[in-house]
Amino acid sequence: PLTVEVVDPELRELFAWVVREGVTNIVRHAHASHCRVSLSADSIEVVDDGIGLDSSGASDGHGLEGLRQRCQDNGADLTAGTPSSGKGTVLRVSARRLSSRLTQDTTR
């Protein structure tokens, strides 16, 4: 994305953490060739074409654990899985609702 203006201001810091954690995992673990970051007003998605999540059933690790807690504290849900292509990892955070300020702005 070229700008974060589309993102609810109350979610920008959380989404910055998502990018940091997602890209850190890609650089350290994924062996990916490509990465895509997609933003909307209430969600962010980081997708790579790397080796995917650990299929052994191991835990998410401390980074994703911490990110999951941040999401919970900010009224958002984190999902991590395999993209529809069947290769790589998708990390998605979605707000449960937009801020009341943004909702009020759209009803005027």
PDB file of N, CA and C in Angstrom:
ATOM      1  N   PRO A   1       0.825  -1.208   0.000  1.00  0.00           N
ATOM      2  CA  PRO A   1       0.000   0.000   0.000  1.00  0.00           C
ATOM      3  C   PRO A   1       0.860   1.259   0.000  1.00  0.00           C
ATOM      4  N   LEU A   2       0.380   2.281  -0.644  1.00  0.00           N
ATOM      5  CA  LEU A   2       1.127   3.530  -0.705  1.00  0.00           C
ATOM      6  C   LEU A   2       0.792   4.445   0.454  1.00  0.00           C
ATOM      7  N   THR A   3      -0.330   4.229   1.128  1.00  0.00           N
ATOM      8  CA  THR A   3      -0.740   5.082   2.229  1.00  0.00           C
ATOM      9  C   THR A   3      -1.562   4.280   3.231  1.00  0.00           C
ATOM     10  N   VAL A   4      -1.555   4.741   4.470  1.00  0.00           N
ATOM     11  CA  VAL A   4      -2.378   4.100   5.501  1.00  0.00           C
ATOM     12  C   VAL A   4      -3.639   4.908   5.766  1.00  0.00           C
ATOM     13  N   GLU A   5      -3.888   5.930   4.970  1.00  0.00           N
ATOM     14  CA  GLU A   5      -5.043   6.804   5.190  1.00  0.00           C
ATOM     15  C   GLU A   5      -6.365   6.035   5.180  1.00  0.00           C
ATOM     16  N   VAL A   6      -6.442   4.917   4.480  1.00  0.00           N
ATOM     17  CA  VAL A   6      -7.664   4.121   4.425  1.00  0.00           C
ATOM     18  C   VAL A   6      -7.948   3.427   5.760  1.00  0.00           C
ATOM     19  N   VAL A   7      -6.925   3.249   6.579  1.00  0.00           N
ATOM     20  CA  VAL A   7      -7.047   2.506   7.833  1.00  0.00           C
ATOM     21  C   VAL A   7      -7.618   3.390   8.936  1.00  0.00           C
ATOM     22  N   ASP A   8      -8.551   2.833   9.696  1.00  0.00           N
ATOM     23  CA  ASP A   8      -9.097   3.518  10.866  1.00  0.00           C
ATOM     24  C   ASP A   8      -7.917   3.953  11.738  1.00  0.00           C
ATOM     25  N   PRO A   9      -7.829   5.231  12.093  1.00  0.00           N
ATOM     26  CA  PRO A   9      -6.689   5.710  12.888  1.00  0.00           C
ATOM     27  C   PRO A   9      -6.460   4.920  14.177  1.00  0.00           C
ATOM     28  N   GLU A  10      -7.529   4.413  14.774  1.00  0.00           N
ATOM     29  CA  GLU A  10      -7.380   3.643  16.011  1.00  0.00           C
ATOM     30  C   GLU A  10      -6.734   2.279  15.780  1.00  0.00           C
ATOM     31  N   LEU A  11      -6.640   1.852  14.526  1.00  0.00           N
ATOM     32  CA  LEU A  11      -6.052   0.546  14.204  1.00  0.00           C
ATOM     33  C   LEU A  11      -4.644   0.643  13.632  1.00  0.00           C
ATOM     34  N   ARG A  12      -4.166   1.825  13.346  1.00  0.00           N
ATOM     35  CA  ARG A  12      -2.886   1.984  12.657  1.00  0.00           C
ATOM     36  C   ARG A  12      -1.709   1.408  13.438  1.00  0.00           C
ATOM     37  N   GLU A  13      -1.651   1.638  14.735  1.00  0.00           N
ATOM     38  CA  GLU A  13      -0.537   1.104  15.516  1.00  0.00           C
ATOM     39  C   GLU A  13      -0.582  -0.425  15.541  1.00  0.00           C
ATOM     40  N   LEU A  14      -1.759  -0.983  15.745  1.00  0.00           N
ATOM     41  CA  LEU A  14      -1.896  -2.447  15.734  1.00  0.00           C
ATOM     42  C   LEU A  14      -1.467  -3.010  14.383  1.00  0.00           C
ATOM     43  N   PHE A  15      -1.908  -2.392  13.302  1.00  0.00           N
ATOM     44  CA  PHE A  15      -1.561  -2.881  11.974  1.00  0.00           C
ATOM     45  C   PHE A  15      -0.061  -2.760  11.704  1.00  0.00           C
ATOM     46  N   ALA A  16       0.578  -1.740  12.270  1.00  0.00           N
ATOM     47  CA  ALA A  16       2.039  -1.625  12.149  1.00  0.00           C
ATOM     48  C   ALA A  16       2.713  -2.820  12.816  1.00  0.00           C
ATOM     49  N   TRP A  17       2.197  -3.246  13.974  1.00  0.00           N
ATOM     50  CA  TRP A  17       2.739  -4.437  14.644  1.00  0.00           C
ATOM     51  C   TRP A  17       2.546  -5.681  13.783  1.00  0.00           C
ATOM     52  N   VAL A  18       1.418  -5.771  13.100  1.00  0.00           N
ATOM     53  CA  VAL A  18       1.150  -6.921  12.219  1.00  0.00           C
ATOM     54  C   VAL A  18       2.190  -6.974  11.106  1.00  0.00           C
ATOM     55  N   VAL A  19       2.465  -5.818  10.499  1.00  0.00           N
ATOM     56  CA  VAL A  19       3.472  -5.781   9.423  1.00  0.00           C
ATOM     57  C   VAL A  19       4.839  -6.180   9.974  1.00  0.00           C
ATOM     58  N   ARG A  20       5.223  -5.620  11.125  1.00  0.00           N
ATOM     59  CA  ARG A  20       6.530  -5.964  11.706  1.00  0.00           C
ATOM     60  C   ARG A  20       6.646  -7.459  11.971  1.00  0.00           C
ATOM     61  N   GLU A  21       5.659  -8.020  12.627  1.00  0.00           N
ATOM     62  CA  GLU A  21       5.708  -9.440  12.967  1.00  0.00           C
ATOM     63  C   GLU A  21       5.651 -10.315  11.715  1.00  0.00           C
ATOM     64  N   GLY A  22       4.757  -9.972  10.797  1.00  0.00           N
ATOM     65  CA  GLY A  22       4.632 -10.754   9.571  1.00  0.00           C
ATOM     66  C   GLY A  22       5.902 -10.749   8.749  1.00  0.00           C
ATOM     67  N   VAL A  23       6.472  -9.580   8.541  1.00  0.00           N
ATOM     68  CA  VAL A  23       7.690  -9.472   7.729  1.00  0.00           C
ATOM     69  C   VAL A  23       8.882 -10.113   8.452  1.00  0.00           C
ATOM     70  N   THR A  24       8.953  -9.954   9.766  1.00  0.00           N
ATOM     71  CA  THR A  24      10.030 -10.613  10.527  1.00  0.00           C
ATOM     72  C   THR A  24       9.954 -12.124  10.340  1.00  0.00           C
ATOM     73  N   ASN A  25       8.761 -12.695  10.426  1.00  0.00           N
ATOM     74  CA  ASN A  25       8.608 -14.137  10.224  1.00  0.00           C
ATOM     75  C   ASN A  25       8.983 -14.550   8.810  1.00  0.00           C
ATOM     76  N   ILE A  26       8.632 -13.726   7.840  1.00  0.00           N
ATOM     77  CA  ILE A  26       8.974 -14.037   6.449  1.00  0.00           C
ATOM     78  C   ILE A  26      10.486 -14.056   6.272  1.00  0.00           C
ATOM     79  N   VAL A  27      11.157 -13.012   6.777  1.00  0.00           N
ATOM     80  CA  VAL A  27      12.613 -12.908   6.616  1.00  0.00           C
ATOM     81  C   VAL A  27      13.338 -14.034   7.356  1.00  0.00           C
ATOM     82  N   ARG A  28      12.895 -14.345   8.566  1.00  0.00           N
ATOM     83  CA  ARG A  28      13.605 -15.332   9.387  1.00  0.00           C
ATOM     84  C   ARG A  28      13.259 -16.789   9.074  1.00  0.00           C
ATOM     85  N   HIS A  29      12.029 -17.054   8.666  1.00  0.00           N
ATOM     86  CA  HIS A  29      11.591 -18.441   8.621  1.00  0.00           C
ATOM     87  C   HIS A  29      10.997 -18.926   7.303  1.00  0.00           C
ATOM     88  N   ALA A  30      10.399 -18.059   6.526  1.00  0.00           N
ATOM     89  CA  ALA A  30       9.542 -18.498   5.423  1.00  0.00           C
ATOM     90  C   ALA A  30      10.270 -18.956   4.165  1.00  0.00           C
ATOM     91  N   HIS A  31      11.478 -18.463   3.935  1.00  0.00           N
ATOM     92  CA  HIS A  31      12.178 -18.752   2.671  1.00  0.00           C
ATOM     93  C   HIS A  31      11.298 -18.363   1.482  1.00  0.00           C
ATOM     94  N   ALA A  32      10.644 -17.223   1.587  1.00  0.00           N
ATOM     95  CA  ALA A  32       9.703 -16.761   0.569  1.00  0.00           C
ATOM     96  C   ALA A  32      10.400 -15.938  -0.500  1.00  0.00           C
ATOM     97  N   SER A  33       9.805 -15.935  -1.676  1.00  0.00           N
ATOM     98  CA  SER A  33      10.265 -15.084  -2.772  1.00  0.00           C
ATOM     99  C   SER A  33       9.460 -13.797  -2.859  1.00  0.00           C
ATOM    100  N   HIS A  34       8.194 -13.853  -2.453  1.00  0.00           N
ATOM    101  CA  HIS A  34       7.308 -12.701  -2.554  1.00  0.00           C
ATOM    102  C   HIS A  34       6.462 -12.561  -1.302  1.00  0.00           C
ATOM    103  N   CYS A  35       6.084 -11.308  -1.056  1.00  0.00           N
ATOM    104  CA  CYS A  35       5.225 -10.972   0.076  1.00  0.00           C
ATOM    105  C   CYS A  35       4.265  -9.886  -0.394  1.00  0.00           C
ATOM    106  N   ARG A  36       3.019  -9.957   0.071  1.00  0.00           N
ATOM    107  CA  ARG A  36       2.027  -8.935  -0.266  1.00  0.00           C
ATOM    108  C   ARG A  36       1.359  -8.461   1.022  1.00  0.00           C
ATOM    109  N   VAL A  37       1.215  -7.157   1.177  1.00  0.00           N
ATOM    110  CA  VAL A  37       0.505  -6.572   2.307  1.00  0.00           C
ATOM    111  C   VAL A  37      -0.718  -5.864   1.744  1.00  0.00           C
ATOM    112  N   SER A  38      -1.899  -6.205   2.281  1.00  0.00           N
ATOM    113  CA  SER A  38      -3.151  -5.587   1.846  1.00  0.00           C
ATOM    114  C   SER A  38      -3.820  -4.930   3.042  1.00  0.00           C
ATOM    115  N   LEU A  39      -4.314  -3.717   2.833  1.00  0.00           N
ATOM    116  CA  LEU A  39      -4.971  -2.950   3.893  1.00  0.00           C
ATOM    117  C   LEU A  39      -6.385  -2.588   3.503  1.00  0.00           C
ATOM    118  N   SER A  40      -7.261  -2.550   4.502  1.00  0.00           N
ATOM    119  CA  SER A  40      -8.579  -1.943   4.356  1.00  0.00           C
ATOM    120  C   SER A  40      -8.827  -1.133   5.621  1.00  0.00           C
ATOM    121  N   ALA A  41      -9.977  -0.517   5.740  1.00  0.00           N
ATOM    122  CA  ALA A  41     -10.265   0.312   6.904  1.00  0.00           C
ATOM    123  C   ALA A  41     -10.202  -0.486   8.201  1.00  0.00           C
ATOM    124  N   ASP A  42     -10.531  -1.782   8.138  1.00  0.00           N
ATOM    125  CA  ASP A  42     -10.621  -2.568   9.368  1.00  0.00           C
ATOM    126  C   ASP A  42      -9.889  -3.905   9.324  1.00  0.00           C
ATOM    127  N   SER A  43      -9.002  -4.092   8.334  1.00  0.00           N
ATOM    128  CA  SER A  43      -8.240  -5.344   8.286  1.00  0.00           C
ATOM    129  C   SER A  43      -6.901  -5.158   7.591  1.00  0.00           C
ATOM    130  N   ILE A  44      -6.002  -6.078   7.877  1.00  0.00           N
ATOM    131  CA  ILE A  44      -4.697  -6.129   7.220  1.00  0.00           C
ATOM    132  C   ILE A  44      -4.364  -7.586   6.970  1.00  0.00           C
ATOM    133  N   GLU A  45      -3.697  -7.828   5.860  1.00  0.00           N
ATOM    134  CA  GLU A  45      -3.315  -9.186   5.503  1.00  0.00           C
ATOM    135  C   GLU A  45      -1.884  -9.177   4.975  1.00  0.00           C
ATOM    136  N   VAL A  46      -1.063 -10.084   5.496  1.00  0.00           N
ATOM    137  CA  VAL A  46       0.307 -10.261   5.033  1.00  0.00           C
ATOM    138  C   VAL A  46       0.393 -11.694   4.498  1.00  0.00           C
ATOM    139  N   VAL A  47       0.730 -11.820   3.216  1.00  0.00           N
ATOM    140  CA  VAL A  47       0.759 -13.121   2.557  1.00  0.00           C
ATOM    141  C   VAL A  47       2.136 -13.329   1.946  1.00  0.00           C
ATOM    142  N   ASP A  48       2.672 -14.556   2.086  1.00  0.00           N
ATOM    143  CA  ASP A  48       3.943 -14.876   1.443  1.00  0.00           C
ATOM    144  C   ASP A  48       3.821 -16.201   0.702  1.00  0.00           C
ATOM    145  N   ASP A  49       4.820 -16.480  -0.126  1.00  0.00           N
ATOM    146  CA  ASP A  49       4.832 -17.727  -0.899  1.00  0.00           C
ATOM    147  C   ASP A  49       5.921 -18.678  -0.404  1.00  0.00           C
ATOM    148  N   GLY A  50       6.194 -18.629   0.881  1.00  0.00           N
ATOM    149  CA  GLY A  50       7.266 -19.440   1.463  1.00  0.00           C
ATOM    150  C   GLY A  50       6.831 -20.854   1.800  1.00  0.00           C
ATOM    151  N   ILE A  51       7.521 -21.431   2.783  1.00  0.00           N
ATOM    152  CA  ILE A  51       7.320 -22.844   3.126  1.00  0.00           C
ATOM    153  C   ILE A  51       6.072 -23.097   3.960  1.00  0.00           C
ATOM    154  N   GLY A  52       5.437 -22.053   4.446  1.00  0.00           N
ATOM    155  CA  GLY A  52       4.199 -22.224   5.199  1.00  0.00           C
ATOM    156  C   GLY A  52       4.450 -22.427   6.676  1.00  0.00           C
ATOM    157  N   LEU A  53       3.352 -22.607   7.381  1.00  0.00           N
ATOM    158  CA  LEU A  53       3.418 -22.797   8.822  1.00  0.00           C
ATOM    159  C   LEU A  53       3.957 -24.177   9.159  1.00  0.00           C
ATOM    160  N   ASP A  54       4.487 -24.291  10.358  1.00  0.00           N
ATOM    161  CA  ASP A  54       4.998 -25.557  10.863  1.00  0.00           C
ATOM    162  C   ASP A  54       3.850 -26.549  10.951  1.00  0.00           C
ATOM    163  N   SER A  55       3.916 -27.617  10.201  1.00  0.00           N
ATOM    164  CA  SER A  55       2.840 -28.605  10.180  1.00  0.00           C
ATOM    165  C   SER A  55       2.942 -29.621  11.309  1.00  0.00           C
ATOM    166  N   SER A  56       3.953 -29.493  12.156  1.00  0.00           N
ATOM    167  CA  SER A  56       4.132 -30.464  13.230  1.00  0.00           C
ATOM    168  C   SER A  56       3.210 -30.197  14.406  1.00  0.00           C
ATOM    169  N   GLY A  57       2.451 -29.104  14.347  1.00  0.00           N
ATOM    170  CA  GLY A  57       1.557 -28.771  15.444  1.00  0.00           C
ATOM    171  C   GLY A  57       2.223 -27.953  16.529  1.00  0.00           C
ATOM    172  N   ALA A  58       3.442 -27.491  16.287  1.00  0.00           N
ATOM    173  CA  ALA A  58       4.141 -26.651  17.268  1.00  0.00           C
ATOM    174  C   ALA A  58       3.372 -25.354  17.460  1.00  0.00           C
ATOM    175  N   SER A  59       3.598 -24.702  18.573  1.00  0.00           N
ATOM    176  CA  SER A  59       2.883 -23.459  18.864  1.00  0.00           C
ATOM    177  C   SER A  59       3.306 -22.362  17.899  1.00  0.00           C
ATOM    178  N   ASP A  60       2.544 -21.272  17.913  1.00  0.00           N
ATOM    179  CA  ASP A  60       2.807 -20.141  17.029  1.00  0.00           C
ATOM    180  C   ASP A  60       4.164 -19.500  17.280  1.00  0.00           C
ATOM    181  N   GLY A  61       4.692 -19.644  18.473  1.00  0.00           N
ATOM    182  CA  GLY A  61       5.911 -18.939  18.831  1.00  0.00           C
ATOM    183  C   GLY A  61       5.561 -17.666  19.570  1.00  0.00           C
ATOM    184  N   HIS A  62       6.577 -17.055  20.165  1.00  0.00           N
ATOM    185  CA  HIS A  62       6.330 -15.892  21.013  1.00  0.00           C
ATOM    186  C   HIS A  62       5.846 -14.682  20.234  1.00  0.00           C
ATOM    187  N   GLY A  63       6.335 -14.491  19.021  1.00  0.00           N
ATOM    188  CA  GLY A  63       5.937 -13.322  18.237  1.00  0.00           C
ATOM    189  C   GLY A  63       4.454 -13.328  17.910  1.00  0.00           C
ATOM    190  N   LEU A  64       3.957 -14.432  17.384  1.00  0.00           N
ATOM    191  CA  LEU A  64       2.534 -14.513  17.062  1.00  0.00           C
ATOM    192  C   LEU A  64       1.674 -14.559  18.318  1.00  0.00           C
ATOM    193  N   GLU A  65       2.189 -15.162  19.364  1.00  0.00           N
ATOM    194  CA  GLU A  65       1.476 -15.178  20.645  1.00  0.00           C
ATOM    195  C   GLU A  65       1.268 -13.749  21.154  1.00  0.00           C
ATOM    196  N   GLY A  66       2.338 -12.963  21.126  1.00  0.00           N
ATOM    197  CA  GLY A  66       2.250 -11.562  21.538  1.00  0.00           C
ATOM    198  C   GLY A  66       1.324 -10.764  20.645  1.00  0.00           C
ATOM    199  N   LEU A  67       1.387 -11.022  19.346  1.00  0.00           N
ATOM    200  CA  LEU A  67       0.522 -10.322  18.400  1.00  0.00           C
ATOM    201  C   LEU A  67      -0.941 -10.699  18.634  1.00  0.00           C
ATOM    202  N   ARG A  68      -1.194 -11.958  18.910  1.00  0.00           N
ATOM    203  CA  ARG A  68      -2.561 -12.399  19.196  1.00  0.00           C
ATOM    204  C   ARG A  68      -3.112 -11.650  20.420  1.00  0.00           C
ATOM    205  N   GLN A  69      -2.271 -11.478  21.438  1.00  0.00           N
ATOM    206  CA  GLN A  69      -2.694 -10.746  22.633  1.00  0.00           C
ATOM    207  C   GLN A  69      -2.966  -9.282  22.311  1.00  0.00           C
ATOM    208  N   ARG A  70      -2.093  -8.658  21.519  1.00  0.00           N
ATOM    209  CA  ARG A  70      -2.306  -7.264  21.110  1.00  0.00           C
ATOM    210  C   ARG A  70      -3.634  -7.124  20.374  1.00  0.00           C
ATOM    211  N   CYS A  71      -3.922  -8.081  19.497  1.00  0.00           N
ATOM    212  CA  CYS A  71      -5.180  -8.044  18.746  1.00  0.00           C
ATOM    213  C   CYS A  71      -6.365  -8.135  19.699  1.00  0.00           C
ATOM    214  N   GLN A  72      -6.292  -9.067  20.619  1.00  0.00           N
ATOM    215  CA  GLN A  72      -7.363  -9.237  21.589  1.00  0.00           C
ATOM    216  C   GLN A  72      -7.578  -7.948  22.385  1.00  0.00           C
ATOM    217  N   ASP A  73      -6.492  -7.327  22.818  1.00  0.00           N
ATOM    218  CA  ASP A  73      -6.573  -6.091  23.590  1.00  0.00           C
ATOM    219  C   ASP A  73      -7.161  -4.934  22.785  1.00  0.00           C
ATOM    220  N   ASN A  74      -7.095  -5.027  21.459  1.00  0.00           N
ATOM    221  CA  ASN A  74      -7.568  -3.949  20.589  1.00  0.00           C
ATOM    222  C   ASN A  74      -8.845  -4.301  19.832  1.00  0.00           C
ATOM    223  N   GLY A  75      -9.529  -5.344  20.259  1.00  0.00           N
ATOM    224  CA  GLY A  75     -10.804  -5.692  19.637  1.00  0.00           C
ATOM    225  C   GLY A  75     -10.670  -6.212  18.224  1.00  0.00           C
ATOM    226  N   ALA A  76      -9.635  -7.000  17.984  1.00  0.00           N
ATOM    227  CA  ALA A  76      -9.410  -7.557  16.648  1.00  0.00           C
ATOM    228  C   ALA A  76      -9.115  -9.048  16.761  1.00  0.00           C
ATOM    229  N   ASP A  77      -9.286  -9.745  15.665  1.00  0.00           N
ATOM    230  CA  ASP A  77      -9.019 -11.184  15.608  1.00  0.00           C
ATOM    231  C   ASP A  77      -7.855 -11.453  14.664  1.00  0.00           C
ATOM    232  N   LEU A  78      -6.970 -12.348  15.074  1.00  0.00           N
ATOM    233  CA  LEU A  78      -5.828 -12.757  14.255  1.00  0.00           C
ATOM    234  C   LEU A  78      -6.052 -14.175  13.774  1.00  0.00           C
ATOM    235  N   THR A  79      -5.834 -14.397  12.485  1.00  0.00           N
ATOM    236  CA  THR A  79      -5.826 -15.745  11.940  1.00  0.00           C
ATOM    237  C   THR A  79      -4.540 -15.926  11.159  1.00  0.00           C
ATOM    238  N   ALA A  80      -3.998 -17.118  11.231  1.00  0.00           N
ATOM    239  CA  ALA A  80      -2.798 -17.468  10.474  1.00  0.00           C
ATOM    240  C   ALA A  80      -3.051 -18.827   9.847  1.00  0.00           C
ATOM    241  N   GLY A  81      -2.743 -18.936   8.585  1.00  0.00           N
ATOM    242  CA  GLY A  81      -2.992 -20.202   7.898  1.00  0.00           C
ATOM    243  C   GLY A  81      -2.317 -20.239   6.548  1.00  0.00           C
ATOM    244  N   THR A  82      -2.840 -21.099   5.695  1.00  0.00           N
ATOM    245  CA  THR A  82      -2.306 -21.289   4.357  1.00  0.00           C
ATOM    246  C   THR A  82      -3.214 -20.581   3.358  1.00  0.00           C
ATOM    247  N   PRO A  83      -2.646 -19.798   2.439  1.00  0.00           N
ATOM    248  CA  PRO A  83      -3.473 -19.123   1.437  1.00  0.00           C
ATOM    249  C   PRO A  83      -4.159 -20.129   0.509  1.00  0.00           C
ATOM    250  N   SER A  84      -5.122 -19.657  -0.259  1.00  0.00           N
ATOM    251  CA  SER A  84      -5.865 -20.529  -1.172  1.00  0.00           C
ATOM    252  C   SER A  84      -4.951 -21.180  -2.210  1.00  0.00           C
ATOM    253  N   SER A  85      -3.783 -20.587  -2.460  1.00  0.00           N
ATOM    254  CA  SER A  85      -2.838 -21.172  -3.414  1.00  0.00           C
ATOM    255  C   SER A  85      -2.243 -22.474  -2.879  1.00  0.00           C
ATOM    256  N   GLY A  86      -2.382 -22.689  -1.556  1.00  0.00           N
ATOM    257  CA  GLY A  86      -1.847 -23.905  -0.945  1.00  0.00           C
ATOM    258  C   GLY A  86      -0.379 -23.822  -0.595  1.00  0.00           C
ATOM    259  N   LYS A  87       0.244 -22.677  -0.812  1.00  0.00           N
ATOM    260  CA  LYS A  87       1.670 -22.505  -0.543  1.00  0.00           C
ATOM    261  C   LYS A  87       1.883 -21.204   0.205  1.00  0.00           C
ATOM    262  N   GLY A  88       2.694 -21.241   1.262  1.00  0.00           N
ATOM    263  CA  GLY A  88       3.009 -20.027   1.991  1.00  0.00           C
ATOM    264  C   GLY A  88       2.170 -19.868   3.237  1.00  0.00           C
ATOM    265  N   THR A  89       2.096 -18.618   3.678  1.00  0.00           N
ATOM    266  CA  THR A  89       1.375 -18.282   4.900  1.00  0.00           C
ATOM    267  C   THR A  89       0.580 -17.011   4.685  1.00  0.00           C
ATOM    268  N   VAL A  90      -0.596 -16.965   5.283  1.00  0.00           N
ATOM    269  CA  VAL A  90      -1.397 -15.743   5.315  1.00  0.00           C
ATOM    270  C   VAL A  90      -1.631 -15.392   6.780  1.00  0.00           C
ATOM    271  N   LEU A  91      -1.332 -14.148   7.113  1.00  0.00           N
ATOM    272  CA  LEU A  91      -1.539 -13.596   8.447  1.00  0.00           C
ATOM    273  C   LEU A  91      -2.565 -12.488   8.277  1.00  0.00           C
ATOM    274  N   ARG A  92      -3.717 -12.647   8.934  1.00  0.00           N
ATOM    275  CA  ARG A  92      -4.801 -11.677   8.759  1.00  0.00           C
ATOM    276  C   ARG A  92      -5.295 -11.200  10.114  1.00  0.00           C
ATOM    277  N   VAL A  93      -5.475  -9.887  10.224  1.00  0.00           N
ATOM    278  CA  VAL A  93      -6.048  -9.283  11.421  1.00  0.00           C
ATOM    279  C   VAL A  93      -7.254  -8.472  10.983  1.00  0.00           C
ATOM    280  N   SER A  94      -8.381  -8.735  11.645  1.00  0.00           N
ATOM    281  CA  SER A  94      -9.628  -8.036  11.339  1.00  0.00           C
ATOM    282  C   SER A  94     -10.197  -7.447  12.615  1.00  0.00           C
ATOM    283  N   ALA A  95     -10.565  -6.173  12.553  1.00  0.00           N
ATOM    284  CA  ALA A  95     -11.211  -5.530  13.696  1.00  0.00           C
ATOM    285  C   ALA A  95     -12.625  -6.067  13.811  1.00  0.00           C
ATOM    286  N   ARG A  96     -13.073  -6.252  15.031  1.00  0.00           N
ATOM    287  CA  ARG A  96     -14.433  -6.740  15.240  1.00  0.00           C
ATOM    288  C   ARG A  96     -15.450  -5.669  14.880  1.00  0.00           C
ATOM    289  N   ARG A  97     -15.071  -4.416  15.026  1.00  0.00           N
ATOM    290  CA  ARG A  97     -15.927  -3.295  14.632  1.00  0.00           C
ATOM    291  C   ARG A  97     -15.043  -2.078  14.405  1.00  0.00           C
ATOM    292  N   LEU A  98     -15.526  -1.165  13.576  1.00  0.00           N
ATOM    293  CA  LEU A  98     -14.816   0.093  13.377  1.00  0.00           C
ATOM    294  C   LEU A  98     -15.030   0.979  14.580  1.00  0.00           C
ATOM    295  N   SER A  99     -14.136   1.905  14.775  1.00  0.00           N
ATOM    296  CA  SER A  99     -14.273   2.829  15.910  1.00  0.00           C
ATOM    297  C   SER A  99     -15.578   3.597  15.802  1.00  0.00           C
ATOM    298  N   SER A 100     -16.106   3.998  16.937  1.00  0.00           N
ATOM    299  CA  SER A 100     -17.368   4.742  16.951  1.00  0.00           C
ATOM    300  C   SER A 100     -17.212   6.058  16.204  1.00  0.00           C
ATOM    301  N   ARG A 101     -16.034   6.653  16.257  1.00  0.00           N
ATOM    302  CA  ARG A 101     -15.795   7.920  15.549  1.00  0.00           C
ATOM    303  C   ARG A 101     -15.949   7.732  14.054  1.00  0.00           C
ATOM    304  N   LEU A 102     -15.402   6.669  13.508  1.00  0.00           N
ATOM    305  CA  LEU A 102     -15.502   6.409  12.075  1.00  0.00           C
ATOM    306  C   LEU A 102     -16.940   6.082  11.696  1.00  0.00           C
ATOM    307  N   THR A 103     -17.633   5.316  12.500  1.00  0.00           N
ATOM    308  CA  THR A 103     -19.015   4.967  12.247  1.00  0.00           C
ATOM    309  C   THR A 103     -19.883   6.223  12.220  1.00  0.00           C
ATOM    310  N   GLN A 104     -19.655   7.148  13.174  1.00  0.00           N
ATOM    311  CA  GLN A 104     -20.426   8.389  13.230  1.00  0.00           C
ATOM    312  C   GLN A 104     -20.158   9.241  11.999  1.00  0.00           C
ATOM    313  N   ASP A 105     -18.909   9.276  11.530  1.00  0.00           N
ATOM    314  CA  ASP A 105     -18.572  10.073  10.358  1.00  0.00           C
ATOM    315  C   ASP A 105     -19.317   9.608   9.120  1.00  0.00           C
ATOM    316  N   THR A 106     -19.584   8.313   8.992  1.00  0.00           N
ATOM    317  CA  THR A 106     -20.230   7.797   7.796  1.00  0.00           C
ATOM    318  C   THR A 106     -21.730   7.982   7.822  1.00  0.00           C
ATOM    319  N   THR A 107     -22.304   8.306   8.987  1.00  0.00           N
ATOM    320  CA  THR A 107     -23.752   8.481   9.068  1.00  0.00           C
ATOM    321  C   THR A 107     -24.189   9.928   8.893  1.00  0.00           C
ATOM    322  N   ARG A 108     -23.254  10.826   8.772  1.00  0.00           N
ATOM    323  CA  ARG A 108     -23.583  12.263   8.611  1.00  0.00           C
ATOM    324  C   ARG A 108     -23.985  12.570   7.205  1.00  0.00           C
TER     325      ARG A 108
END
